[in-house]
Amino acid sequence: MQVDASTWVVLAHLLRPQGRKGELLAELLTDFPDRFVDRKDLFLISSSNAEDQSARPVDITSSWPPVGKNKGRIVLQFAGVDTISAAEAYVGMDVVVPADHRVPLEDESIYISDLVGCIVREETREIGRIGDVQFPAAPDGSRLSNAAPLLVVTTNDGEEVLIPFVKAFVKNLDLTARRLVMSLPAGLVEVNQQG
């Protein structure tokens, strides 16, 4: 299946074989890991070759969260993949779902993929474009549930700025216009520039 890459939503990135029976360790990019096995609309695409976005359907027969140093990731078992060498062929691929098949969200929730690409503005100035969203993590790699996600915003000068994505700062979010208007504390942008 050949599809425009913008129609896919990445749920997981396959890192390496995990175990001896074809399981794969994946970086989890969804807040709904419990729904992997029940989904019938999952596909694999190459994350390393932006030119080739051919998608192939995939069935996940089981999934589980690993423990220890891989906590916060997920182990996936694909139908028909039952050896380490078979699993190695999938390393580096992304598990995706068509954008219009995403799980409905609760009120006042938003998909990260909808934020990426939005222009961030304050009342009097444009700050830049959201390129990514980062989640603060503990030393063991687990997500800090009470810490605000950070918008990674690239300014027109090419600098990266980290801006906490908290409700108190959001004045208006217009996903159709791809615009986020924020009211930020004085100096926050300058203090959080990564350059």
Protein backbone atom coordinates (compact mmCIF):
# COMPACT_ATOMS: atom_id res chain seq x y z
CA MET A 1 0.00 0.00 0.00
CA GLN A 2 1.51 3.35 -1.07
CA VAL A 3 0.26 6.27 1.02
CA ASP A 4 1.31 9.85 1.72
CA ALA A 5 3.43 9.78 4.91
CA SER A 6 1.32 12.54 6.46
CA THR A 7 -1.64 10.15 6.65
CA TRP A 8 0.20 7.81 9.06
CA VAL A 9 0.51 8.13 12.81
CA VAL A 10 3.52 6.37 14.35
CA LEU A 11 2.64 4.25 17.39
CA ALA A 12 6.01 2.58 17.98
CA HIS A 13 9.55 2.46 16.57
CA LEU A 14 11.13 -1.02 16.44
CA LEU A 15 14.56 -1.00 18.13
CA ARG A 16 15.91 -4.56 18.26
CA PRO A 17 15.00 -8.21 18.78
CA GLN A 18 14.00 -9.00 22.35
CA GLY A 19 14.17 -12.63 23.36
CA ARG A 20 14.63 -15.73 21.18
CA LYS A 21 11.18 -16.18 19.68
CA GLY A 22 11.02 -13.22 17.29
CA GLU A 23 9.83 -10.58 19.73
CA LEU A 24 10.86 -6.97 19.12
CA LEU A 25 11.58 -4.20 21.62
CA ALA A 26 9.96 -0.93 20.56
CA GLU A 27 10.05 2.70 21.61
CA LEU A 28 6.47 3.44 22.59
CA LEU A 29 4.97 6.53 20.93
CA THR A 30 1.37 6.19 22.08
CA ASP A 31 -0.48 6.49 25.36
CA PHE A 32 -2.64 3.48 24.41
CA PRO A 33 -0.24 0.49 24.43
CA ASP A 34 -2.98 -1.86 25.63
CA ARG A 35 -4.73 -1.55 22.26
CA PHE A 36 -1.96 -3.01 20.06
CA VAL A 37 -3.24 -6.58 20.04
CA ASP A 38 -6.87 -5.69 19.34
CA ARG A 39 -6.11 -3.44 16.36
CA LYS A 40 -6.56 -4.82 12.87
CA ASP A 41 -5.43 -1.66 11.04
CA LEU A 42 -1.70 -1.67 11.87
CA PHE A 43 1.03 -1.34 9.25
CA LEU A 44 4.83 -1.22 9.08
CA ILE A 45 6.76 1.47 7.20
CA SER A 46 10.46 2.19 6.91
CA SER A 47 11.49 5.06 9.16
CA SER A 48 14.94 5.32 7.58
CA ASN A 49 13.80 5.77 3.98
CA ALA A 50 11.48 8.77 3.66
CA GLU A 51 11.22 8.12 -0.10
CA ASP A 52 9.73 4.66 0.39
CA GLN A 53 6.56 4.90 2.42
CA SER A 54 5.17 1.56 1.24
CA ALA A 55 3.15 0.13 4.07
CA ARG A 56 2.59 -3.51 4.75
CA PRO A 57 -0.14 -4.78 7.06
CA VAL A 58 0.98 -6.47 10.25
CA ASP A 59 -0.77 -8.47 12.98
CA ILE A 60 0.46 -8.20 16.54
CA THR A 61 -0.27 -11.40 18.42
CA SER A 62 0.93 -10.22 21.83
CA SER A 63 2.52 -7.27 23.56
CA TRP A 64 3.79 -6.56 27.05
CA PRO A 65 5.78 -3.94 28.94
CA PRO A 66 9.36 -4.96 29.72
CA VAL A 67 10.90 -4.36 33.14
CA GLY A 68 14.24 -2.98 34.24
CA LYS A 69 16.22 -0.72 31.92
CA ASN A 70 13.57 -0.98 29.17
CA LYS A 71 10.69 0.14 31.37
CA GLY A 72 8.48 2.56 29.42
CA ARG A 73 8.98 0.69 26.16
CA ILE A 74 6.98 -2.24 24.78
CA VAL A 75 7.74 -5.73 23.48
CA LEU A 76 5.75 -6.73 20.37
CA GLN A 77 5.25 -10.18 18.87
CA PHE A 78 4.20 -10.22 15.19
CA ALA A 79 2.34 -13.07 13.52
CA GLY A 80 4.77 -15.19 11.49
CA VAL A 81 7.90 -13.76 13.14
CA ASP A 82 9.29 -16.46 15.39
CA THR A 83 13.09 -16.25 15.23
CA ILE A 84 15.72 -13.66 16.06
CA SER A 85 16.84 -13.46 12.43
CA ALA A 86 13.25 -12.90 11.25
CA ALA A 87 12.84 -10.13 13.84
CA GLU A 88 16.06 -8.41 12.72
CA ALA A 89 14.45 -7.67 9.35
CA TYR A 90 11.97 -5.37 11.15
CA VAL A 91 14.50 -3.34 13.16
CA GLY A 92 14.24 0.38 12.41
CA MET A 93 10.69 0.19 11.09
CA ASP A 94 7.72 2.09 12.49
CA VAL A 95 4.40 0.59 13.52
CA VAL A 96 1.77 2.98 12.12
CA VAL A 97 -1.97 3.41 11.86
CA PRO A 98 -3.92 5.55 9.38
CA ALA A 99 -4.53 8.97 10.95
CA ASP A 100 -8.28 8.65 10.61
CA HIS A 101 -8.21 5.41 12.67
CA ARG A 102 -6.75 6.98 15.80
CA VAL A 103 -8.44 6.30 19.14
CA PRO A 104 -10.83 9.12 20.13
CA LEU A 105 -9.43 11.28 22.91
CA GLU A 106 -11.02 12.67 26.05
CA ASP A 107 -12.02 16.34 26.11
CA GLU A 108 -9.11 18.78 26.32
CA SER A 109 -6.67 16.13 25.10
CA ILE A 110 -4.71 16.43 21.88
CA TYR A 111 -2.57 14.19 19.72
CA ILE A 112 1.11 15.12 19.60
CA SER A 113 1.08 14.61 15.84
CA ASP A 114 -1.55 17.37 15.60
CA LEU A 115 0.73 19.80 17.46
CA VAL A 116 3.81 19.12 15.34
CA GLY A 117 3.98 21.70 12.58
CA CYS A 118 1.89 24.32 14.36
CA ILE A 119 3.19 27.90 14.54
CA VAL A 120 3.61 29.15 18.12
CA ARG A 121 2.83 32.82 18.73
CA GLU A 122 2.56 35.22 21.58
CA GLU A 123 0.29 38.25 21.17
CA THR A 124 3.02 40.44 19.65
CA ARG A 125 5.45 37.98 18.07
CA GLU A 126 5.86 34.67 16.33
CA ILE A 127 8.12 32.32 18.28
CA GLY A 128 8.50 29.50 15.74
CA ARG A 129 7.21 26.11 14.60
CA ILE A 130 6.71 23.00 16.78
CA GLY A 131 9.04 20.25 15.58
CA ASP A 132 8.60 17.77 18.41
CA VAL A 133 7.18 17.24 21.89
CA GLN A 134 9.39 15.88 24.66
CA PHE A 135 8.25 14.29 27.90
CA PRO A 136 10.48 14.78 30.94
CA ALA A 137 11.79 11.45 32.17
CA ALA A 138 13.22 10.01 35.35
CA PRO A 139 16.76 8.57 35.37
CA ASP A 140 15.31 5.10 34.67
CA GLY A 141 13.68 6.42 31.46
CA SER A 142 10.10 6.34 32.74
CA ARG A 143 7.91 9.34 31.97
CA LEU A 144 7.34 11.81 34.81
CA SER A 145 3.55 11.89 34.94
CA ASN A 146 3.29 15.19 36.81
CA ALA A 147 5.76 17.13 34.61
CA ALA A 148 4.50 19.22 31.71
CA PRO A 149 5.39 18.08 28.17
CA LEU A 150 7.88 20.37 26.44
CA LEU A 151 7.21 21.80 22.99
CA VAL A 152 10.40 21.81 20.93
CA VAL A 153 9.96 24.99 18.88
CA THR A 154 12.37 26.00 16.10
CA THR A 155 12.55 29.77 15.76
CA ASN A 156 12.95 31.60 12.46
CA ASP A 157 16.66 31.95 13.36
CA GLY A 158 17.00 28.15 13.56
CA GLU A 159 17.33 28.09 17.37
CA GLU A 160 15.47 25.47 19.40
CA VAL A 161 13.36 26.65 22.32
CA LEU A 162 11.71 24.42 24.92
CA ILE A 163 8.28 25.68 26.02
CA PRO A 164 6.19 23.90 28.68
CA PHE A 165 2.83 22.90 27.21
CA VAL A 166 0.55 23.78 30.11
CA LYS A 167 -3.06 24.87 30.00
CA ALA A 168 -2.30 28.12 31.87
CA PHE A 169 -0.05 29.28 28.99
CA VAL A 170 -2.43 28.35 26.13
CA LYS A 171 -4.66 31.20 24.97
CA ASN A 172 -5.88 29.64 21.71
CA LEU A 173 -5.19 26.48 19.73
CA ASP A 174 -6.49 26.39 16.15
CA LEU A 175 -5.52 23.06 14.58
CA THR A 176 -7.16 23.93 11.27
CA ALA A 177 -5.01 27.06 10.96
CA ARG A 178 -2.03 25.18 12.55
CA ARG A 179 -1.59 27.98 15.12
CA LEU A 180 -1.01 27.97 18.88
CA VAL A 181 -1.24 31.32 20.69
CA MET A 182 0.37 31.33 24.12
CA SER A 183 0.81 33.80 26.98
CA LEU A 184 4.25 33.03 28.38
CA PRO A 185 6.02 34.43 31.43
CA ALA A 186 8.50 37.19 30.53
CA GLY A 187 11.90 35.76 29.56
CA LEU A 188 10.75 32.11 29.32
CA VAL A 189 11.63 31.78 25.63
CA GLU A 190 15.07 33.33 26.05
CA VAL A 191 15.92 31.21 29.11
CA ASN A 192 14.86 27.97 27.39
CA GLN A 193 16.79 28.39 24.15
CA GLN A 194 18.96 25.31 23.65
CA GLY A 195 21.53 26.99 21.40
